[in-house]
Amino acid sequence: MSPAIATLAETVLTAGELTLEPLRPDHAERLFDGLADPALYRFIPQEPPAGAAALRARFERLAARRSPAGDQAWLNWAIRLPDGSHAGLVEATVGSTGAADIAYFVFRGSQGRGVGRRAVGAVVATLAAEPAVTAIGASIDTRNTASIALVEALGFERTGMIRDADHFKGGPSDEYRYQLPPEALTAKR
């Protein structure tokens, strides 16, 4: 992990009135209720956490900020609202070549209010401004119209589709692949 990426992993970001806090194990209890909502997992091959202890164990692994092999940097932020409550999570995995993939959870009570767009937009802008990041992409289930709209609103372009990318919850999942255009990276530097 480059020193610049390591610094980003520990950086508090802001997006208007939102604060994006580097994810820590103690976020588990604060994020558990929102992340336990089965509706958030409709389009991903993952299930809600079994309990706050399981979520804390996951966050402890993520707090290492890198994969066990050291070939990926894990940048994760909890989205905090002005009232101190939390509205979700934004994740970025940066590989050894500098290519980043983003993912996010926006809790149901904060959906449709621009929280995801502002929070994910702040992470994307931060990554795009970092010379060590060479590309930014996302893979999204073709049925997830809200996530598709979010990344397209942030300037991502659809670059392909993977049929049967995964199989979960009783059926196949096709995924669109999105990339931020290269000029969006260089324009921020």
C-alpha atoms as a PDB file:
ATOM      1  CA  MET A   1       0.000   0.000   0.000  1.00  0.00           C
ATOM      2  CA  SER A   2       1.435   3.340  -0.984  1.00  0.00           C
ATOM      3  CA  PRO A   3       1.949   5.882   1.810  1.00  0.00           C
ATOM      4  CA  ALA A   4      -0.636   8.146   0.161  1.00  0.00           C
ATOM      5  CA  ILE A   5      -3.269   5.390   0.148  1.00  0.00           C
ATOM      6  CA  ALA A   6      -2.432   4.516   3.760  1.00  0.00           C
ATOM      7  CA  THR A   7      -2.996   8.165   4.686  1.00  0.00           C
ATOM      8  CA  LEU A   8      -6.345   8.204   2.835  1.00  0.00           C
ATOM      9  CA  ALA A   9      -7.474   5.149   4.795  1.00  0.00           C
ATOM     10  CA  GLU A  10      -7.187   7.182   8.005  1.00  0.00           C
ATOM     11  CA  THR A  11      -8.576  10.467   6.656  1.00  0.00           C
ATOM     12  CA  VAL A  12     -11.891  11.916   7.829  1.00  0.00           C
ATOM     13  CA  LEU A  13     -13.843  13.187   4.802  1.00  0.00           C
ATOM     14  CA  THR A  14     -16.722  15.635   4.631  1.00  0.00           C
ATOM     15  CA  ALA A  15     -19.556  15.910   2.146  1.00  0.00           C
ATOM     16  CA  GLY A  16     -21.647  18.951   2.983  1.00  0.00           C
ATOM     17  CA  GLU A  17     -23.109  18.240   6.403  1.00  0.00           C
ATOM     18  CA  LEU A  18     -22.015  14.578   6.290  1.00  0.00           C
ATOM     19  CA  THR A  19     -18.860  13.295   7.963  1.00  0.00           C
ATOM     20  CA  LEU A  20     -17.176  10.152   6.687  1.00  0.00           C
ATOM     21  CA  GLU A  21     -15.267   8.537   9.529  1.00  0.00           C
ATOM     22  CA  PRO A  22     -12.578   5.905   8.898  1.00  0.00           C
ATOM     23  CA  LEU A  23     -14.221   2.652   9.938  1.00  0.00           C
ATOM     24  CA  ARG A  24     -13.218   1.330  13.353  1.00  0.00           C
ATOM     25  CA  PRO A  25     -14.344  -1.753  15.296  1.00  0.00           C
ATOM     26  CA  ASP A  26     -16.413   0.432  17.647  1.00  0.00           C
ATOM     27  CA  HIS A  27     -18.612   1.454  14.717  1.00  0.00           C
ATOM     28  CA  ALA A  28     -20.117  -2.052  14.809  1.00  0.00           C
ATOM     29  CA  GLU A  29     -22.679  -1.284  17.487  1.00  0.00           C
ATOM     30  CA  ARG A  30     -23.630   2.028  15.874  1.00  0.00           C
ATOM     31  CA  LEU A  31     -24.002   0.553  12.374  1.00  0.00           C
ATOM     32  CA  PHE A  32     -25.479  -2.822  13.286  1.00  0.00           C
ATOM     33  CA  ASP A  33     -29.190  -1.954  13.142  1.00  0.00           C
ATOM     34  CA  GLY A  34     -28.843  -0.350   9.715  1.00  0.00           C
ATOM     35  CA  LEU A  35     -26.644  -3.118   8.324  1.00  0.00           C
ATOM     36  CA  ALA A  36     -28.980  -5.799   9.720  1.00  0.00           C
ATOM     37  CA  ASP A  37     -31.736  -4.709   7.288  1.00  0.00           C
ATOM     38  CA  PRO A  38     -32.239  -7.624   4.818  1.00  0.00           C
ATOM     39  CA  ALA A  39     -33.403  -5.166   2.127  1.00  0.00           C
ATOM     40  CA  LEU A  40     -29.803  -3.892   1.787  1.00  0.00           C
ATOM     41  CA  TYR A  41     -28.665  -7.344   0.629  1.00  0.00           C
ATOM     42  CA  ARG A  42     -31.189  -7.931  -2.127  1.00  0.00           C
ATOM     43  CA  PHE A  43     -28.664  -7.420  -4.927  1.00  0.00           C
ATOM     44  CA  ILE A  44     -25.423  -8.690  -3.369  1.00  0.00           C
ATOM     45  CA  PRO A  45     -24.166 -12.192  -2.449  1.00  0.00           C
ATOM     46  CA  GLN A  46     -23.918 -11.345   1.206  1.00  0.00           C
ATOM     47  CA  GLU A  47     -26.253 -11.702   4.172  1.00  0.00           C
ATOM     48  CA  PRO A  48     -26.875  -9.281   7.045  1.00  0.00           C
ATOM     49  CA  PRO A  49     -24.468  -9.672   9.972  1.00  0.00           C
ATOM     50  CA  ALA A  50     -25.487 -12.375  12.443  1.00  0.00           C
ATOM     51  CA  GLY A  51     -25.007 -10.015  15.367  1.00  0.00           C
ATOM     52  CA  ALA A  52     -23.077  -7.017  16.610  1.00  0.00           C
ATOM     53  CA  ALA A  53     -20.190  -9.270  17.706  1.00  0.00           C
ATOM     54  CA  ALA A  54     -19.856 -10.744  14.211  1.00  0.00           C
ATOM     55  CA  LEU A  55     -19.950  -7.252  12.719  1.00  0.00           C
ATOM     56  CA  ARG A  56     -17.286  -6.066  15.177  1.00  0.00           C
ATOM     57  CA  ALA A  57     -15.064  -9.014  14.176  1.00  0.00           C
ATOM     58  CA  ARG A  58     -15.485  -8.046  10.507  1.00  0.00           C
ATOM     59  CA  PHE A  59     -14.690  -4.403  11.273  1.00  0.00           C
ATOM     60  CA  GLU A  60     -11.597  -5.492  13.223  1.00  0.00           C
ATOM     61  CA  ARG A  61     -10.337  -7.232  10.072  1.00  0.00           C
ATOM     62  CA  LEU A  62     -11.179  -4.193   7.928  1.00  0.00           C
ATOM     63  CA  ALA A  63      -9.451  -1.849  10.406  1.00  0.00           C
ATOM     64  CA  ALA A  64      -6.146  -3.417   9.316  1.00  0.00           C
ATOM     65  CA  ARG A  65      -6.694  -1.274   6.182  1.00  0.00           C
ATOM     66  CA  ARG A  66      -5.109  -3.979   4.018  1.00  0.00           C
ATOM     67  CA  SER A  67      -5.769  -7.528   2.893  1.00  0.00           C
ATOM     68  CA  PRO A  68      -3.883 -10.335   4.662  1.00  0.00           C
ATOM     69  CA  ALA A  69      -1.690 -10.785   1.552  1.00  0.00           C
ATOM     70  CA  GLY A  70      -1.012  -7.044   1.501  1.00  0.00           C
ATOM     71  CA  ASP A  71      -2.059  -6.702  -2.142  1.00  0.00           C
ATOM     72  CA  GLN A  72      -5.177  -4.622  -1.454  1.00  0.00           C
ATOM     73  CA  ALA A  73      -5.769  -1.486   0.564  1.00  0.00           C
ATOM     74  CA  TRP A  74      -9.117  -1.382   2.350  1.00  0.00           C
ATOM     75  CA  LEU A  75     -10.543   2.106   2.708  1.00  0.00           C
ATOM     76  CA  ASN A  76     -13.855   2.139   4.557  1.00  0.00           C
ATOM     77  CA  TRP A  77     -15.847   5.021   5.978  1.00  0.00           C
ATOM     78  CA  ALA A  78     -18.920   5.182   8.210  1.00  0.00           C
ATOM     79  CA  ILE A  79     -21.350   7.911   7.102  1.00  0.00           C
ATOM     80  CA  ARG A  80     -22.309  10.139  10.051  1.00  0.00           C
ATOM     81  CA  LEU A  81     -25.235  12.547   9.888  1.00  0.00           C
ATOM     82  CA  PRO A  82     -25.217  15.966  11.601  1.00  0.00           C
ATOM     83  CA  ASP A  83     -27.262  14.590  14.523  1.00  0.00           C
ATOM     84  CA  GLY A  84     -24.532  12.024  15.249  1.00  0.00           C
ATOM     85  CA  SER A  85     -26.437   9.017  13.920  1.00  0.00           C
ATOM     86  CA  HIS A  86     -25.039   6.934  11.091  1.00  0.00           C
ATOM     87  CA  ALA A  87     -26.498   6.501   7.611  1.00  0.00           C
ATOM     88  CA  GLY A  88     -24.333   3.798   6.075  1.00  0.00           C
ATOM     89  CA  LEU A  89     -20.912   2.794   4.881  1.00  0.00           C
ATOM     90  CA  VAL A  90     -18.715   3.547   1.847  1.00  0.00           C
ATOM     91  CA  GLU A  91     -15.999   1.079   0.870  1.00  0.00           C
ATOM     92  CA  ALA A  92     -13.088   1.324  -1.568  1.00  0.00           C
ATOM     93  CA  THR A  93     -10.687  -1.498  -2.294  1.00  0.00           C
ATOM     94  CA  VAL A  94      -7.484  -0.374  -4.004  1.00  0.00           C
ATOM     95  CA  GLY A  95      -5.384  -3.058  -5.679  1.00  0.00           C
ATOM     96  CA  SER A  96      -1.620  -3.131  -6.105  1.00  0.00           C
ATOM     97  CA  THR A  97      -1.905  -1.458  -9.538  1.00  0.00           C
ATOM     98  CA  GLY A  98      -3.859   1.451  -8.052  1.00  0.00           C
ATOM     99  CA  ALA A  99      -7.222   0.375  -9.483  1.00  0.00           C
ATOM    100  CA  ALA A 100     -10.013   1.057  -6.971  1.00  0.00           C
ATOM    101  CA  ASP A 101     -13.454  -0.518  -6.725  1.00  0.00           C
ATOM    102  CA  ILE A 102     -16.183   1.120  -4.694  1.00  0.00           C
ATOM    103  CA  ALA A 103     -19.195  -0.263  -2.854  1.00  0.00           C
ATOM    104  CA  TYR A 104     -21.637   1.251  -0.390  1.00  0.00           C
ATOM    105  CA  PHE A 105     -24.578   0.717   1.924  1.00  0.00           C
ATOM    106  CA  VAL A 106     -27.036   3.527   2.562  1.00  0.00           C
ATOM    107  CA  PHE A 107     -29.510   2.715   5.309  1.00  0.00           C
ATOM    108  CA  ARG A 108     -33.131   2.679   4.275  1.00  0.00           C
ATOM    109  CA  GLY A 109     -34.031   5.733   6.384  1.00  0.00           C
ATOM    110  CA  SER A 110     -31.428   7.793   4.496  1.00  0.00           C
ATOM    111  CA  GLN A 111     -32.178   6.554   0.995  1.00  0.00           C
ATOM    112  CA  GLY A 112     -33.681   8.978  -1.498  1.00  0.00           C
ATOM    113  CA  ARG A 113     -32.283  12.013   0.355  1.00  0.00           C
ATOM    114  CA  GLY A 114     -28.979  12.423  -1.512  1.00  0.00           C
ATOM    115  CA  VAL A 115     -26.909  10.931   1.326  1.00  0.00           C
ATOM    116  CA  GLY A 116     -25.444   8.195  -0.874  1.00  0.00           C
ATOM    117  CA  ARG A 117     -24.660  10.553  -3.710  1.00  0.00           C
ATOM    118  CA  ARG A 118     -22.868  13.019  -1.422  1.00  0.00           C
ATOM    119  CA  ALA A 119     -20.977  10.369   0.581  1.00  0.00           C
ATOM    120  CA  VAL A 120     -19.945   8.197  -2.372  1.00  0.00           C
ATOM    121  CA  GLY A 121     -19.179  11.356  -4.356  1.00  0.00           C
ATOM    122  CA  ALA A 122     -16.787  12.542  -1.634  1.00  0.00           C
ATOM    123  CA  VAL A 123     -14.951   9.205  -1.645  1.00  0.00           C
ATOM    124  CA  VAL A 124     -14.767   9.143  -5.456  1.00  0.00           C
ATOM    125  CA  ALA A 125     -13.475  12.735  -5.576  1.00  0.00           C
ATOM    126  CA  THR A 126     -10.844  11.935  -2.940  1.00  0.00           C
ATOM    127  CA  LEU A 127      -9.707   8.833  -4.824  1.00  0.00           C
ATOM    128  CA  ALA A 128      -9.726  10.660  -8.167  1.00  0.00           C
ATOM    129  CA  ALA A 129      -7.458  13.365  -6.766  1.00  0.00           C
ATOM    130  CA  GLU A 130      -4.884  10.832  -5.549  1.00  0.00           C
ATOM    131  CA  PRO A 131      -2.136  10.115  -8.137  1.00  0.00           C
ATOM    132  CA  ALA A 132      -1.616   6.590  -6.708  1.00  0.00           C
ATOM    133  CA  VAL A 133      -5.172   5.698  -7.833  1.00  0.00           C
ATOM    134  CA  THR A 134      -5.123   4.680 -11.494  1.00  0.00           C
ATOM    135  CA  ALA A 135      -8.805   3.792 -12.048  1.00  0.00           C
ATOM    136  CA  ILE A 136     -12.109   3.760 -10.168  1.00  0.00           C
ATOM    137  CA  GLY A 137     -14.817   1.233 -10.925  1.00  0.00           C
ATOM    138  CA  ALA A 138     -17.897  -0.482  -9.566  1.00  0.00           C
ATOM    139  CA  SER A 139     -19.764  -3.713 -10.287  1.00  0.00           C
ATOM    140  CA  ILE A 140     -23.539  -3.459  -9.842  1.00  0.00           C
ATOM    141  CA  ASP A 141     -26.319  -6.016 -10.174  1.00  0.00           C
ATOM    142  CA  THR A 142     -28.320  -5.099 -13.278  1.00  0.00           C
ATOM    143  CA  ARG A 143     -31.541  -5.022 -11.198  1.00  0.00           C
ATOM    144  CA  ASN A 144     -30.209  -2.449  -8.727  1.00  0.00           C
ATOM    145  CA  THR A 145     -31.624   0.669 -10.373  1.00  0.00           C
ATOM    146  CA  ALA A 146     -30.859   2.936  -7.394  1.00  0.00           C
ATOM    147  CA  SER A 147     -27.146   2.096  -7.418  1.00  0.00           C
ATOM    148  CA  ILE A 148     -26.994   2.375 -11.188  1.00  0.00           C
ATOM    149  CA  ALA A 149     -28.538   5.849 -10.993  1.00  0.00           C
ATOM    150  CA  LEU A 150     -26.102   6.863  -8.244  1.00  0.00           C
ATOM    151  CA  VAL A 151     -22.903   5.931 -10.109  1.00  0.00           C
ATOM    152  CA  GLU A 152     -24.189   7.376 -13.379  1.00  0.00           C
ATOM    153  CA  ALA A 153     -24.993  10.649 -11.588  1.00  0.00           C
ATOM    154  CA  LEU A 154     -21.366  10.691 -10.383  1.00  0.00           C
ATOM    155  CA  GLY A 155     -20.082  10.406 -13.953  1.00  0.00           C
ATOM    156  CA  PHE A 156     -19.332   6.687 -14.149  1.00  0.00           C
ATOM    157  CA  GLU A 157     -19.807   5.061 -17.538  1.00  0.00           C
ATOM    158  CA  ARG A 158     -21.060   1.546 -18.164  1.00  0.00           C
ATOM    159  CA  THR A 159     -18.251  -0.431 -19.779  1.00  0.00           C
ATOM    160  CA  GLY A 160     -19.747  -3.891 -19.924  1.00  0.00           C
ATOM    161  CA  MET A 161     -22.047  -6.534 -18.562  1.00  0.00           C
ATOM    162  CA  ILE A 162     -21.174  -9.884 -17.050  1.00  0.00           C
ATOM    163  CA  ARG A 163     -23.925 -12.473 -17.412  1.00  0.00           C
ATOM    164  CA  ASP A 164     -24.238 -14.879 -14.482  1.00  0.00           C
ATOM    165  CA  ALA A 165     -21.573 -12.956 -12.589  1.00  0.00           C
ATOM    166  CA  ASP A 166     -22.790 -14.602  -9.429  1.00  0.00           C
ATOM    167  CA  HIS A 167     -25.506 -16.918  -8.149  1.00  0.00           C
ATOM    168  CA  PHE A 168     -27.190 -16.090  -4.864  1.00  0.00           C
ATOM    169  CA  LYS A 169     -30.564 -15.951  -3.159  1.00  0.00           C
ATOM    170  CA  GLY A 170     -31.895 -18.623  -5.481  1.00  0.00           C
ATOM    171  CA  GLY A 171     -30.961 -17.136  -8.837  1.00  0.00           C
ATOM    172  CA  PRO A 172     -28.306 -15.807 -11.146  1.00  0.00           C
ATOM    173  CA  SER A 173     -27.070 -12.248 -10.969  1.00  0.00           C
ATOM    174  CA  ASP A 174     -25.946 -10.288 -14.000  1.00  0.00           C
ATOM    175  CA  GLU A 175     -23.684  -7.316 -13.281  1.00  0.00           C
ATOM    176  CA  TYR A 176     -22.911  -4.098 -15.054  1.00  0.00           C
ATOM    177  CA  ARG A 177     -19.339  -2.902 -14.862  1.00  0.00           C
ATOM    178  CA  TYR A 178     -18.850   0.847 -14.445  1.00  0.00           C
ATOM    179  CA  GLN A 179     -15.676   2.929 -14.689  1.00  0.00           C
ATOM    180  CA  LEU A 180     -14.987   6.562 -14.003  1.00  0.00           C
ATOM    181  CA  PRO A 181     -13.620   7.975 -17.283  1.00  0.00           C
ATOM    182  CA  PRO A 182      -9.816   8.419 -17.177  1.00  0.00           C
ATOM    183  CA  GLU A 183     -10.132  12.153 -17.805  1.00  0.00           C
ATOM    184  CA  ALA A 184     -12.109  12.457 -14.548  1.00  0.00           C
ATOM    185  CA  LEU A 185      -9.011  11.210 -12.721  1.00  0.00           C
ATOM    186  CA  THR A 186      -6.502  13.479 -14.400  1.00  0.00           C
ATOM    187  CA  ALA A 187      -8.773  16.537 -14.207  1.00  0.00           C
ATOM    188  CA  LYS A 188      -8.689  16.400 -10.381  1.00  0.00           C
ATOM    189  CA  ARG A 189      -4.895  16.226 -10.117  1.00  0.00           C
END
